[in-house]
Amino acid sequence: MLTVSEALSPIDMIEILSFVAAIAVGFVVLSTSADRLIEVASTLASRLGMSILTIGMTIVAFGTSAPELLVSSVAALDGSAGIAIGNALGSNIINIGLVLALCGIIYPLVVSRRIITRELPLLVLVVAFAMALMLDGDLSQMDGFILAGALLAYCYYLAKHSGGDNEDEDEVVILSISTTRAVVESLVLLALLMGSSKLLVWGASELARSFGISEMIIGLTVIAFGTSLPEMAAALASARKGLFDLVMATVIGSNIFNLLGVLAFPGILSGGLAIDSSVLQRDGLAMAGLTALLAICIVTSLAMDRDETSSSSMTLGRVTCSRVPRYKSAIILAAFTTYMGVLALSIIS
């Protein structure tokens, strides 16, 4: 921990400035690469005949979850079970409570019926399934293989339902590039997303340690937040372009991948992870609660769509959608803020 005199040391100041520079560069690269990724991914979806929703739940969602997978796998191999599991759960909490909530406040979310009838119930089911596996206080190697098997089944489901349903087709920017270039550029942009998020997490973590903040707090806040930055950047870029299905697909697909993939690989690689009871009682319940709250906000918004006089509904092409009011996104954000307050109190005590 730096004292006042140490903080004035030229060497320490250079280190702190390097951490700040890493954070700044990470943010800039993250935001610019995410914005370009949305256009390239949309173009690739069009070239391959895939729906925008499917491309969001595969290339964008899985790609932006790569930082969580990397961090959790390394933590598991190092014997840091709390970081490995907490990162997966914490990222899901942030994806809904912060990423999606902020998007919904800035740009009121428009949710298609496919999200409500297919993807949202699947997310709720995966959350319940993962929680059930962890209830015994252990994420065994067998549990890891079960989750990995479920991930393969999920990928098969996406492949089977990959065509059609281009609800936002009229709003999509199609670039004048070949399919090969779109694939290569997507991979490069995903690499930039992962690299910039890793740089940002490193800078924030080192800056926090310089001022004596415990690694526990860093793991539950800085690391979980940092690894969720690609999702935040991609979701905000999608919302700004009016690709609302891509916003929901990115968050839902990422959360499913976090539970089926990010939890699975650490369990498999480490031979099994012990789970602290507080993780399930606090973080697990918070993740499940925010997922349920999201489902309630979306479903109740759809219910208003049945009223022909309701101003909350709108039609995009042939698909009827429902606009989620800003105040519902604010409720989700408030729930997330409450969780962060509880987390802070538990750390202090």
Protein backbone atom coordinates (compact mmCIF):
# COMPACT_ATOMS: atom_id res chain seq x y z
CA MET A 1 0.00 0.00 0.00
CA LEU A 2 1.39 3.40 -0.93
CA THR A 3 1.93 5.99 1.76
CA VAL A 4 1.82 9.70 1.02
CA SER A 5 5.59 9.94 0.74
CA GLU A 6 5.81 6.81 -1.40
CA ALA A 7 3.07 8.10 -3.67
CA LEU A 8 5.33 11.07 -4.51
CA SER A 9 8.18 8.77 -5.52
CA PRO A 10 9.02 9.21 -9.22
CA ILE A 11 9.19 5.43 -9.74
CA ASP A 12 5.81 4.89 -8.11
CA MET A 13 4.32 7.75 -10.08
CA ILE A 14 5.59 6.23 -13.33
CA GLU A 15 4.05 2.88 -12.38
CA ILE A 16 0.72 4.50 -11.53
CA LEU A 17 0.74 6.47 -14.78
CA SER A 18 1.44 3.25 -16.70
CA PHE A 19 -1.58 1.61 -15.03
CA VAL A 20 -3.75 4.62 -15.91
CA ALA A 21 -2.43 4.55 -19.49
CA ALA A 22 -3.26 0.84 -19.76
CA ILE A 23 -6.82 1.56 -18.61
CA ALA A 24 -7.21 4.42 -21.10
CA VAL A 25 -5.80 2.44 -24.03
CA GLY A 26 -7.93 -0.56 -23.07
CA PHE A 27 -11.10 1.53 -23.12
CA VAL A 28 -10.31 3.17 -26.47
CA VAL A 29 -9.39 -0.07 -28.26
CA LEU A 30 -12.35 -1.87 -26.66
CA SER A 31 -14.93 0.69 -27.79
CA THR A 32 -13.61 1.13 -31.34
CA SER A 33 -13.12 -2.59 -32.03
CA ALA A 34 -16.57 -3.45 -30.63
CA ASP A 35 -18.23 -0.87 -32.87
CA ARG A 36 -16.54 -2.28 -35.96
CA LEU A 37 -17.29 -5.85 -34.86
CA ILE A 38 -21.03 -5.17 -34.95
CA GLU A 39 -20.87 -4.07 -38.59
CA VAL A 40 -18.60 -6.96 -39.61
CA ALA A 41 -20.70 -9.52 -37.70
CA SER A 42 -23.87 -8.18 -39.32
CA THR A 43 -22.25 -8.44 -42.73
CA LEU A 44 -21.09 -11.99 -42.01
CA ALA A 45 -24.61 -12.91 -40.90
CA SER A 46 -26.00 -11.66 -44.17
CA ARG A 47 -23.34 -13.46 -46.24
CA LEU A 48 -23.94 -16.79 -44.48
CA GLY A 49 -27.73 -16.48 -44.44
CA MET A 50 -27.82 -16.42 -40.65
CA SER A 51 -30.13 -14.28 -38.55
CA ILE A 52 -28.73 -11.29 -36.70
CA LEU A 53 -29.90 -12.88 -33.44
CA THR A 54 -27.98 -16.09 -34.13
CA ILE A 55 -24.76 -14.31 -35.04
CA GLY A 56 -25.07 -12.33 -31.80
CA MET A 57 -25.52 -15.47 -29.72
CA THR A 58 -22.54 -17.21 -31.33
CA ILE A 59 -19.72 -15.08 -32.74
CA VAL A 60 -20.33 -11.96 -30.67
CA ALA A 61 -21.56 -13.58 -27.43
CA PHE A 62 -19.03 -16.41 -27.32
CA GLY A 63 -16.20 -14.16 -28.45
CA THR A 64 -16.86 -11.50 -25.84
CA SER A 65 -17.00 -14.22 -23.14
CA ALA A 66 -13.48 -15.38 -23.97
CA PRO A 67 -11.92 -13.11 -21.28
CA GLU A 68 -14.06 -14.77 -18.60
CA LEU A 69 -13.00 -18.21 -19.84
CA LEU A 70 -9.32 -17.26 -19.82
CA VAL A 71 -9.39 -15.65 -16.37
CA SER A 72 -11.40 -18.46 -14.76
CA SER A 73 -9.26 -21.22 -16.30
CA VAL A 74 -6.03 -19.62 -15.15
CA ALA A 75 -7.47 -19.00 -11.68
CA ALA A 76 -8.62 -22.64 -11.42
CA LEU A 77 -5.20 -23.95 -12.40
CA ASP A 78 -3.65 -21.67 -9.77
CA GLY A 79 -6.01 -23.05 -7.11
CA SER A 80 -8.08 -19.86 -6.82
CA ALA A 81 -11.53 -21.46 -6.91
CA GLY A 82 -13.24 -18.33 -5.61
CA ILE A 83 -11.98 -16.20 -8.48
CA ALA A 84 -12.79 -18.90 -11.07
CA ILE A 85 -16.39 -19.33 -9.96
CA GLY A 86 -16.93 -15.77 -8.79
CA ASN A 87 -15.80 -14.40 -12.15
CA ALA A 88 -18.39 -16.48 -14.02
CA LEU A 89 -21.23 -15.58 -11.65
CA GLY A 90 -20.10 -11.98 -11.26
CA SER A 91 -19.89 -11.46 -15.02
CA ASN A 92 -23.47 -12.72 -15.42
CA ILE A 93 -24.62 -10.36 -12.70
CA ILE A 94 -22.88 -7.41 -14.35
CA ASN A 95 -24.12 -8.38 -17.83
CA ILE A 96 -27.74 -8.10 -16.70
CA GLY A 97 -27.58 -5.62 -13.83
CA LEU A 98 -25.23 -3.14 -15.45
CA VAL A 99 -24.71 -3.81 -19.18
CA LEU A 100 -28.31 -4.56 -20.15
CA ALA A 101 -29.76 -2.12 -17.64
CA LEU A 102 -27.63 0.77 -18.91
CA CYS A 103 -28.47 -0.08 -22.51
CA GLY A 104 -32.16 -0.12 -21.59
CA ILE A 105 -31.94 3.26 -19.88
CA ILE A 106 -30.02 4.94 -22.71
CA TYR A 107 -31.86 3.17 -25.56
CA PRO A 108 -35.18 1.58 -24.48
CA LEU A 109 -34.89 -2.10 -25.42
CA VAL A 110 -37.11 -3.60 -28.10
CA VAL A 111 -37.50 -7.34 -27.55
CA SER A 112 -38.74 -9.70 -30.25
CA ARG A 113 -41.05 -12.63 -29.59
CA ARG A 114 -38.31 -15.11 -30.49
CA ILE A 115 -36.20 -13.83 -27.59
CA ILE A 116 -39.15 -14.29 -25.25
CA THR A 117 -40.30 -17.70 -26.50
CA ARG A 118 -36.90 -19.33 -27.13
CA GLU A 119 -33.79 -17.64 -25.79
CA LEU A 120 -35.01 -16.18 -22.49
CA PRO A 121 -36.57 -19.45 -21.21
CA LEU A 122 -33.34 -21.22 -22.21
CA LEU A 123 -31.29 -18.77 -20.12
CA VAL A 124 -33.56 -19.30 -17.09
CA LEU A 125 -33.24 -23.08 -17.53
CA VAL A 126 -29.43 -22.91 -17.75
CA VAL A 127 -29.23 -20.74 -14.61
CA ALA A 128 -31.39 -23.24 -12.67
CA PHE A 129 -29.34 -26.17 -14.04
CA ALA A 130 -25.97 -24.63 -13.09
CA MET A 131 -27.22 -23.66 -9.62
CA ALA A 132 -28.48 -27.22 -9.04
CA LEU A 133 -25.04 -28.64 -9.88
CA MET A 134 -23.38 -26.31 -7.38
CA LEU A 135 -25.81 -26.82 -4.50
CA ASP A 136 -23.63 -29.58 -2.99
CA GLY A 137 -20.83 -27.05 -2.50
CA ASP A 138 -18.60 -28.60 -5.13
CA LEU A 139 -18.08 -28.20 -8.86
CA SER A 140 -16.60 -31.63 -9.61
CA GLN A 141 -14.82 -32.69 -12.75
CA MET A 142 -17.93 -34.67 -13.68
CA ASP A 143 -20.01 -31.52 -13.23
CA GLY A 144 -17.59 -29.80 -15.60
CA PHE A 145 -18.06 -32.48 -18.24
CA ILE A 146 -21.86 -32.27 -17.81
CA LEU A 147 -21.76 -28.51 -18.34
CA ALA A 148 -19.48 -28.94 -21.37
CA GLY A 149 -21.92 -31.49 -22.81
CA ALA A 150 -24.76 -29.03 -22.28
CA LEU A 151 -22.70 -26.38 -24.09
CA LEU A 152 -22.31 -28.69 -27.09
CA ALA A 153 -26.08 -29.30 -27.08
CA TYR A 154 -26.63 -25.53 -26.96
CA CYS A 155 -24.31 -25.02 -29.94
CA TYR A 156 -26.24 -27.69 -31.85
CA TYR A 157 -29.49 -25.88 -31.01
CA LEU A 158 -28.08 -22.62 -32.36
CA ALA A 159 -26.86 -24.31 -35.54
CA LYS A 160 -30.27 -25.88 -36.09
CA HIS A 161 -32.05 -22.54 -35.72
CA SER A 162 -29.49 -20.38 -37.51
CA GLY A 163 -31.50 -19.32 -40.54
CA GLY A 164 -34.16 -16.71 -41.18
CA ASP A 165 -35.78 -14.39 -38.67
CA ASN A 166 -33.76 -11.36 -39.77
CA GLU A 167 -36.01 -9.00 -37.83
CA ASP A 168 -33.57 -6.10 -38.04
CA GLU A 169 -32.54 -6.70 -41.65
CA ASP A 170 -33.57 -3.23 -42.79
CA GLU A 171 -31.47 -1.63 -40.04
CA VAL A 172 -28.30 -3.65 -40.69
CA VAL A 173 -25.26 -2.00 -42.24
CA ILE A 174 -23.85 -4.38 -44.88
CA LEU A 175 -20.22 -3.65 -45.65
CA SER A 176 -18.76 -4.03 -49.13
CA ILE A 177 -16.32 -6.76 -48.11
CA SER A 178 -15.99 -10.42 -49.00
CA THR A 179 -17.04 -13.28 -46.73
CA THR A 180 -13.40 -14.28 -46.25
CA ARG A 181 -12.44 -10.78 -45.16
CA ALA A 182 -15.46 -10.62 -42.84
CA VAL A 183 -14.38 -13.87 -41.13
CA VAL A 184 -10.75 -12.77 -40.80
CA GLU A 185 -11.70 -9.30 -39.60
CA SER A 186 -14.14 -10.76 -37.05
CA LEU A 187 -11.37 -12.92 -35.60
CA VAL A 188 -8.96 -9.97 -35.48
CA LEU A 189 -11.55 -7.76 -33.80
CA LEU A 190 -12.36 -10.45 -31.23
CA ALA A 191 -8.63 -10.71 -30.50
CA LEU A 192 -8.52 -6.94 -30.00
CA LEU A 193 -11.52 -7.16 -27.66
CA MET A 194 -9.83 -9.84 -25.59
CA GLY A 195 -6.46 -8.11 -25.59
CA SER A 196 -7.85 -4.70 -24.68
CA SER A 197 -10.01 -6.14 -21.91
CA LYS A 198 -7.00 -8.00 -20.50
CA LEU A 199 -4.93 -4.80 -20.65
CA LEU A 200 -7.69 -2.87 -18.90
CA VAL A 201 -8.09 -5.50 -16.18
CA TRP A 202 -4.33 -5.56 -15.61
CA GLY A 203 -4.14 -1.78 -15.32
CA ALA A 204 -7.13 -1.57 -12.97
CA SER A 205 -5.93 -4.50 -10.82
CA GLU A 206 -2.41 -3.12 -10.45
CA LEU A 207 -3.75 0.36 -9.72
CA ALA A 208 -6.02 -1.09 -7.03
CA ARG A 209 -3.16 -3.06 -5.46
CA SER A 210 -0.98 0.05 -5.47
CA PHE A 211 -3.47 1.67 -3.11
CA GLY A 212 -3.82 -1.39 -0.87
CA ILE A 213 -7.17 -2.73 -2.08
CA SER A 214 -7.49 -6.46 -1.33
CA GLU A 215 -7.38 -9.05 -4.11
CA MET A 216 -10.78 -10.34 -2.95
CA ILE A 217 -12.38 -7.01 -3.80
CA ILE A 218 -10.46 -6.91 -7.06
CA GLY A 219 -11.68 -10.36 -8.05
CA LEU A 220 -15.33 -9.65 -7.27
CA THR A 221 -15.41 -6.20 -8.82
CA VAL A 222 -12.52 -5.17 -11.09
CA ILE A 223 -11.93 -8.56 -12.74
CA ALA A 224 -15.63 -9.40 -13.15
CA PHE A 225 -16.32 -5.90 -14.46
CA GLY A 226 -13.27 -5.91 -16.72
CA THR A 227 -14.09 -9.23 -18.34
CA SER A 228 -17.64 -7.97 -18.96
CA LEU A 229 -16.43 -4.87 -20.80
CA PRO A 230 -16.49 -6.57 -24.23
CA GLU A 231 -20.17 -7.40 -23.70
CA MET A 232 -20.85 -3.84 -22.59
CA ALA A 233 -19.05 -2.34 -25.58
CA ALA A 234 -20.74 -4.71 -28.04
CA ALA A 235 -24.20 -4.21 -26.49
CA LEU A 236 -23.95 -0.40 -26.45
CA ALA A 237 -22.68 -0.37 -30.03
CA SER A 238 -25.58 -2.61 -31.08
CA ALA A 239 -28.15 -0.46 -29.26
CA ARG A 240 -26.74 2.71 -30.83
CA LYS A 241 -27.20 1.15 -34.27
CA GLY A 242 -30.75 0.05 -33.42
CA LEU A 243 -29.89 -3.68 -33.51
CA PHE A 244 -31.89 -4.51 -30.38
CA ASP A 245 -32.00 -8.25 -31.04
CA LEU A 246 -28.21 -8.19 -31.11
CA VAL A 247 -28.17 -6.44 -27.72
CA MET A 248 -30.30 -9.15 -26.11
CA ALA A 249 -28.53 -11.94 -27.99
CA THR A 250 -25.10 -10.74 -26.84
CA VAL A 251 -26.09 -10.69 -23.16
CA ILE A 252 -28.17 -13.88 -23.17
CA GLY A 253 -25.65 -15.81 -25.25
CA SER A 254 -22.75 -14.59 -23.12
CA ASN A 255 -24.51 -15.52 -19.86
CA ILE A 256 -25.30 -18.99 -21.14
CA PHE A 257 -21.70 -19.45 -22.28
CA ASN A 258 -20.41 -18.21 -18.90
CA LEU A 259 -22.37 -20.91 -17.07
CA LEU A 260 -21.90 -23.80 -19.51
CA GLY A 261 -18.38 -22.98 -20.68
CA VAL A 262 -16.62 -20.67 -18.23
CA LEU A 263 -17.71 -22.85 -15.29
CA ALA A 264 -17.07 -26.12 -17.13
CA PHE A 265 -13.45 -25.69 -18.18
CA PRO A 266 -12.12 -24.66 -14.73
CA GLY A 267 -13.91 -27.67 -13.21
CA ILE A 268 -12.42 -30.00 -15.80
CA LEU A 269 -8.90 -28.53 -15.74
CA SER A 270 -8.61 -28.40 -11.95
CA GLY A 271 -10.20 -31.77 -11.27
CA GLY A 272 -12.95 -30.14 -9.23
CA LEU A 273 -13.52 -26.90 -7.32
CA ALA A 274 -14.85 -26.36 -3.81
CA ILE A 275 -17.50 -23.65 -3.63
CA ASP A 276 -17.77 -21.37 -0.61
CA SER A 277 -21.30 -21.30 0.76
CA SER A 278 -21.33 -17.49 0.69
CA VAL A 279 -20.81 -17.60 -3.09
CA LEU A 280 -24.08 -19.48 -3.56
CA GLN A 281 -26.01 -17.63 -0.88
CA ARG A 282 -25.00 -14.18 -2.08
CA ASP A 283 -23.66 -14.20 -5.63
CA GLY A 284 -25.58 -17.24 -6.88
CA LEU A 285 -28.88 -15.92 -5.57
CA ALA A 286 -28.11 -12.47 -6.98
CA MET A 287 -27.47 -13.95 -10.43
CA ALA A 288 -30.66 -16.02 -10.29
CA GLY A 289 -32.65 -13.08 -8.94
CA LEU A 290 -31.48 -10.66 -11.64
CA THR A 291 -32.19 -13.25 -14.34
CA ALA A 292 -35.71 -13.70 -12.96
CA LEU A 293 -36.18 -9.92 -12.72
CA LEU A 294 -35.10 -9.52 -16.35
CA ALA A 295 -37.57 -12.19 -17.43
CA ILE A 296 -40.38 -10.52 -15.48
CA CYS A 297 -39.64 -7.08 -16.96
CA ILE A 298 -39.61 -8.46 -20.50
CA VAL A 299 -42.69 -10.67 -20.14
CA THR A 300 -44.77 -7.92 -18.51
CA SER A 301 -43.80 -5.58 -21.35
CA LEU A 302 -44.98 -8.18 -23.86
CA ALA A 303 -48.29 -8.48 -22.00
CA MET A 304 -48.94 -4.80 -22.74
CA ASP A 305 -48.44 -5.56 -26.42
CA ARG A 306 -51.81 -7.34 -26.48
CA ASP A 307 -53.48 -3.97 -25.86
CA GLU A 308 -53.87 -2.38 -29.29
CA THR A 309 -53.96 1.08 -27.71
CA SER A 310 -50.69 0.55 -25.84
CA SER A 311 -47.86 2.85 -26.87
CA SER A 312 -45.29 0.37 -25.53
CA SER A 313 -45.55 -1.94 -28.53
CA MET A 314 -44.26 -1.53 -32.02
CA THR A 315 -43.92 -3.53 -35.19
CA LEU A 316 -40.64 -4.13 -36.97
CA GLY A 317 -41.25 -5.74 -40.37
CA ARG A 318 -43.42 -8.83 -39.90
CA VAL A 319 -42.48 -9.37 -36.26
CA THR A 320 -44.34 -7.69 -33.40
CA CYS A 321 -42.02 -6.46 -30.65
CA SER A 322 -42.45 -4.86 -27.24
CA ARG A 323 -40.52 -1.90 -25.94
CA VAL A 324 -39.23 -2.33 -22.38
CA PRO A 325 -39.79 1.02 -20.61
CA ARG A 326 -36.75 2.82 -19.22
CA TYR A 327 -38.07 2.60 -15.67
CA LYS A 328 -37.90 -1.21 -15.78
CA SER A 329 -34.26 -1.05 -16.80
CA ALA A 330 -33.75 1.39 -13.94
CA ILE A 331 -35.30 -1.15 -11.54
CA ILE A 332 -32.81 -3.77 -12.72
CA LEU A 333 -29.96 -1.28 -12.25
CA ALA A 334 -31.25 -0.48 -8.74
CA ALA A 335 -31.28 -4.20 -7.88
CA PHE A 336 -27.68 -4.48 -9.12
CA THR A 337 -26.68 -1.45 -7.03
CA THR A 338 -28.28 -3.05 -3.97
CA TYR A 339 -26.29 -6.24 -4.58
CA MET A 340 -23.07 -4.24 -4.83
CA GLY A 341 -23.94 -2.56 -1.53
CA VAL A 342 -24.50 -5.95 0.13
CA LEU A 343 -21.21 -7.17 -1.31
CA ALA A 344 -19.37 -4.12 0.03
CA LEU A 345 -20.87 -4.60 3.50
CA SER A 346 -19.92 -8.29 3.55
CA ILE A 347 -16.33 -7.42 2.65
CA ILE A 348 -16.10 -4.69 5.30
CA SER A 349 -17.52 -6.95 8.00
